[in-house]
Protein backbone atom coordinates (compact mmCIF):
# COMPACT_ATOMS: atom_id res chain seq x y z
CA MET A 1 0.00 0.00 0.00
CA ALA A 2 2.89 2.39 0.74
CA ARG A 3 4.21 1.67 -2.69
CA ILE A 4 0.96 2.76 -4.37
CA ARG A 5 0.85 6.06 -2.41
CA GLY A 6 4.36 7.00 -3.61
CA MET A 7 3.56 6.32 -7.29
CA PRO A 8 1.71 9.61 -7.98
CA MET A 9 4.59 11.55 -6.43
CA LEU A 10 7.10 9.63 -8.55
CA ALA A 11 5.01 10.27 -11.71
CA LEU A 12 4.84 13.98 -10.87
CA LEU A 13 8.61 14.12 -10.38
CA ALA A 14 9.20 12.28 -13.69
CA ALA A 15 6.89 14.70 -15.52
CA ALA A 16 8.79 17.69 -14.09
CA VAL A 17 12.10 16.20 -15.25
CA VAL A 18 10.73 15.62 -18.77
CA ILE A 19 9.37 19.19 -18.98
CA ALA A 20 12.66 20.68 -17.78
CA ALA A 21 14.63 18.58 -20.29
CA ALA A 22 12.32 19.65 -23.11
CA ALA A 23 12.71 23.31 -22.18
CA ARG A 24 16.51 22.99 -22.20
CA ALA A 25 16.44 21.18 -25.57
CA GLU A 26 14.16 23.84 -27.06
CA ALA A 27 16.55 26.56 -25.89
CA ARG A 28 19.36 24.88 -27.83
CA VAL A 29 17.44 24.62 -31.14
CA PRO A 30 18.91 27.27 -33.45
CA ASP A 31 16.64 29.93 -34.89
CA TYR A 32 16.89 29.72 -38.67
CA HIS A 33 15.09 33.01 -39.23
CA PRO A 34 17.74 35.66 -39.87
CA SER A 35 17.09 39.03 -38.27
CA THR A 36 18.03 40.73 -41.54
CA PHE A 37 18.41 39.94 -45.20
CA THR A 38 20.66 41.71 -47.67
CA VAL A 39 19.95 42.52 -51.31
CA THR A 40 23.04 43.05 -53.45
CA GLY A 41 23.65 43.95 -57.08
CA GLN A 42 25.46 46.27 -59.44
CA VAL A 43 24.58 49.45 -61.37
CA GLN A 44 26.30 50.02 -64.72
CA CYS A 45 26.29 52.40 -67.70
CA GLN A 46 25.63 51.05 -71.19
CA ASP A 47 26.82 53.17 -74.10
CA CYS A 48 24.73 52.57 -77.23
CA THR A 49 27.22 54.46 -79.41
CA LYS A 50 29.70 51.57 -79.14
CA ASN A 51 29.63 48.42 -81.24
CA TRP A 52 27.31 45.61 -80.13
CA ASN A 53 29.91 43.67 -78.12
CA ALA A 54 31.06 46.77 -76.26
CA TYR A 55 27.45 47.79 -75.63
CA ALA A 56 26.34 44.37 -74.45
CA TYR A 57 29.40 43.18 -72.55
CA ASN A 58 31.52 46.17 -71.53
CA ALA A 59 29.19 48.29 -69.43
CA ARG A 60 31.08 50.31 -66.86
CA PRO A 61 30.13 50.52 -63.16
CA ILE A 62 28.57 53.75 -61.88
CA PRO A 63 29.80 54.68 -58.38
CA GLY A 64 27.48 56.82 -56.28
CA SER A 65 24.23 55.56 -57.83
CA VAL A 66 21.34 54.96 -55.45
CA VAL A 67 19.11 51.89 -55.45
CA GLY A 68 15.95 51.69 -53.34
CA ILE A 69 13.93 48.81 -51.92
CA THR A 70 10.27 48.92 -50.89
CA CYS A 71 8.72 46.05 -48.92
CA LYS A 72 5.02 45.40 -48.33
CA ASP A 73 3.15 43.49 -45.65
CA ASP A 74 0.71 40.66 -46.32
CA ARG A 75 -2.05 43.23 -47.00
CA GLU A 76 0.10 44.91 -49.69
CA ARG A 77 0.77 48.04 -47.61
CA PRO A 78 4.29 49.52 -47.86
CA VAL A 79 5.96 49.03 -44.49
CA TYR A 80 9.65 49.49 -45.25
CA TYR A 81 11.83 51.58 -47.55
CA GLY A 82 15.61 51.42 -47.66
CA SER A 83 18.34 52.48 -50.04
CA ASP A 84 22.07 52.24 -50.61
CA ALA A 85 24.61 54.07 -52.76
CA THR A 86 26.93 52.03 -54.94
CA ASP A 87 30.62 51.78 -54.14
CA GLY A 88 33.54 52.35 -56.54
CA GLN A 89 32.68 49.13 -58.38
CA GLY A 90 29.02 50.05 -58.78
CA VAL A 91 27.97 47.49 -56.14
CA PHE A 92 25.17 48.12 -53.63
CA ASN A 93 24.16 46.19 -50.52
CA VAL A 94 20.80 47.07 -48.98
CA GLU A 95 20.22 45.53 -45.55
CA VAL A 96 16.55 44.92 -44.70
CA PRO A 97 15.22 43.96 -41.24
CA SER A 98 13.15 40.78 -41.16
CA LYS A 99 10.57 42.45 -38.90
CA VAL A 100 9.18 45.99 -38.96
CA ASN A 101 6.50 47.09 -36.49
CA GLY A 102 5.55 43.47 -35.85
CA CYS A 103 5.26 42.65 -39.57
CA ASP A 104 7.42 39.86 -40.99
CA LEU A 105 9.23 41.01 -44.12
CA THR A 106 10.26 38.56 -46.81
CA ALA A 107 12.30 39.24 -49.91
CA SER A 108 9.42 38.04 -52.10
CA ARG A 109 7.31 41.01 -50.89
CA CYS A 110 9.96 43.59 -51.82
CA LEU A 111 10.79 45.47 -55.02
CA VAL A 112 14.25 46.82 -55.84
CA ARG A 113 14.53 49.78 -58.24
CA LEU A 114 16.97 52.31 -59.57
CA ALA A 115 16.63 55.64 -57.73
CA SER A 116 19.39 57.89 -59.10
CA SER A 117 22.55 57.70 -61.18
CA GLY A 118 25.94 58.69 -59.85
CA ASP A 119 26.95 59.85 -63.34
CA PRO A 120 25.03 62.83 -64.80
CA GLY A 121 26.26 61.88 -68.29
CA CYS A 122 24.75 58.40 -67.98
CA ALA A 123 21.52 59.02 -66.13
CA VAL A 124 18.68 57.61 -68.25
CA PRO A 125 17.35 54.55 -66.37
CA THR A 126 16.52 51.38 -68.30
CA ASN A 127 14.10 48.65 -67.32
CA PHE A 128 16.62 45.91 -68.04
CA ASN A 129 16.24 43.36 -65.19
CA GLY A 130 13.40 45.48 -63.81
CA GLY A 131 15.56 48.51 -63.07
CA THR A 132 12.66 50.98 -63.33
CA ALA A 133 9.60 48.75 -62.80
CA GLY A 134 11.17 46.88 -59.90
CA GLU A 135 12.54 43.41 -59.37
CA LYS A 136 11.63 40.99 -56.58
CA PRO A 137 14.75 39.52 -54.98
CA SER A 138 14.58 35.79 -55.74
CA ARG A 139 18.16 34.57 -56.26
CA LEU A 140 19.29 33.44 -52.82
CA THR A 141 23.09 33.43 -52.90
CA HIS A 142 23.91 32.92 -49.20
CA PHE A 143 21.99 31.62 -46.21
CA SER A 144 23.05 31.11 -42.61
CA PRO A 145 21.17 31.24 -39.31
CA ASP A 146 21.93 34.96 -38.96
CA ARG A 147 21.89 36.25 -42.55
CA ALA A 148 20.35 35.70 -45.98
CA THR A 149 21.66 37.40 -49.13
CA TYR A 150 19.80 37.82 -52.42
CA ALA A 151 21.29 38.98 -55.75
CA VAL A 152 19.41 41.23 -58.17
CA GLY A 153 20.21 43.00 -61.43
CA PRO A 154 22.54 44.13 -62.79
CA TYR A 155 20.73 47.40 -63.46
CA TYR A 156 21.65 49.82 -66.20
CA TYR A 157 21.54 53.50 -67.02
CA THR A 158 22.28 54.74 -70.50
CA LEU A 159 23.27 57.97 -72.26
CA PRO A 160 20.61 60.58 -73.08
CA ARG A 161 21.22 60.12 -76.84
CA CYS A 162 20.47 56.39 -76.43
CA ASP A 163 17.05 57.03 -74.89
CA VAL A 164 14.22 56.02 -77.21
CA LYS A 165 11.22 57.99 -75.98
CA ASP A 166 8.46 56.13 -77.79
CA ASP A 167 9.86 53.20 -79.72
CA ALA A 168 6.39 51.80 -80.53
CA ALA A 169 5.26 55.07 -82.17
CA ALA A 170 8.46 55.27 -84.21
CA CYS A 171 7.88 51.74 -85.54
CA SER A 172 4.23 52.34 -86.43
CA SER A 173 4.88 55.62 -88.26
CA GLY A 174 6.73 53.83 -91.06
CA TYR A 175 10.20 55.16 -90.31
């Protein structure tokens, strides 16, 4: 009979040990949700006055250009805007928090766009790779428990004389 009376106490003690062990194990599980993600890319100048190979493959980087990112919540409301200026190689790195005002931000709900050129002589934005309309970061290039990095672009500006204002109208007018 004494053995039966001690059984509930032993079961209670065993349950407490299991709960404590589970709490310690849960504390050791790594959090694979980075607190930030980074969007990186390059801004370049394409010169249409060069031959095709030079135009297509020898664009030069534009230091000092600004690229912006806008992120929306699950109700499509803008909740974050960030920007970064390109370095000497035309490379930008925009760091975005994973949470803003309690909203989870994901790269798939963001758009990256050209904002301004660092070269006044090459300042006409193009929509190549979504430079003017915006591109959703989708190419994950690095992931670790504390950081995710996405690549976008490259984005291009061109010379004012290369800007075709209304290409469709020029084609339909017979010229």
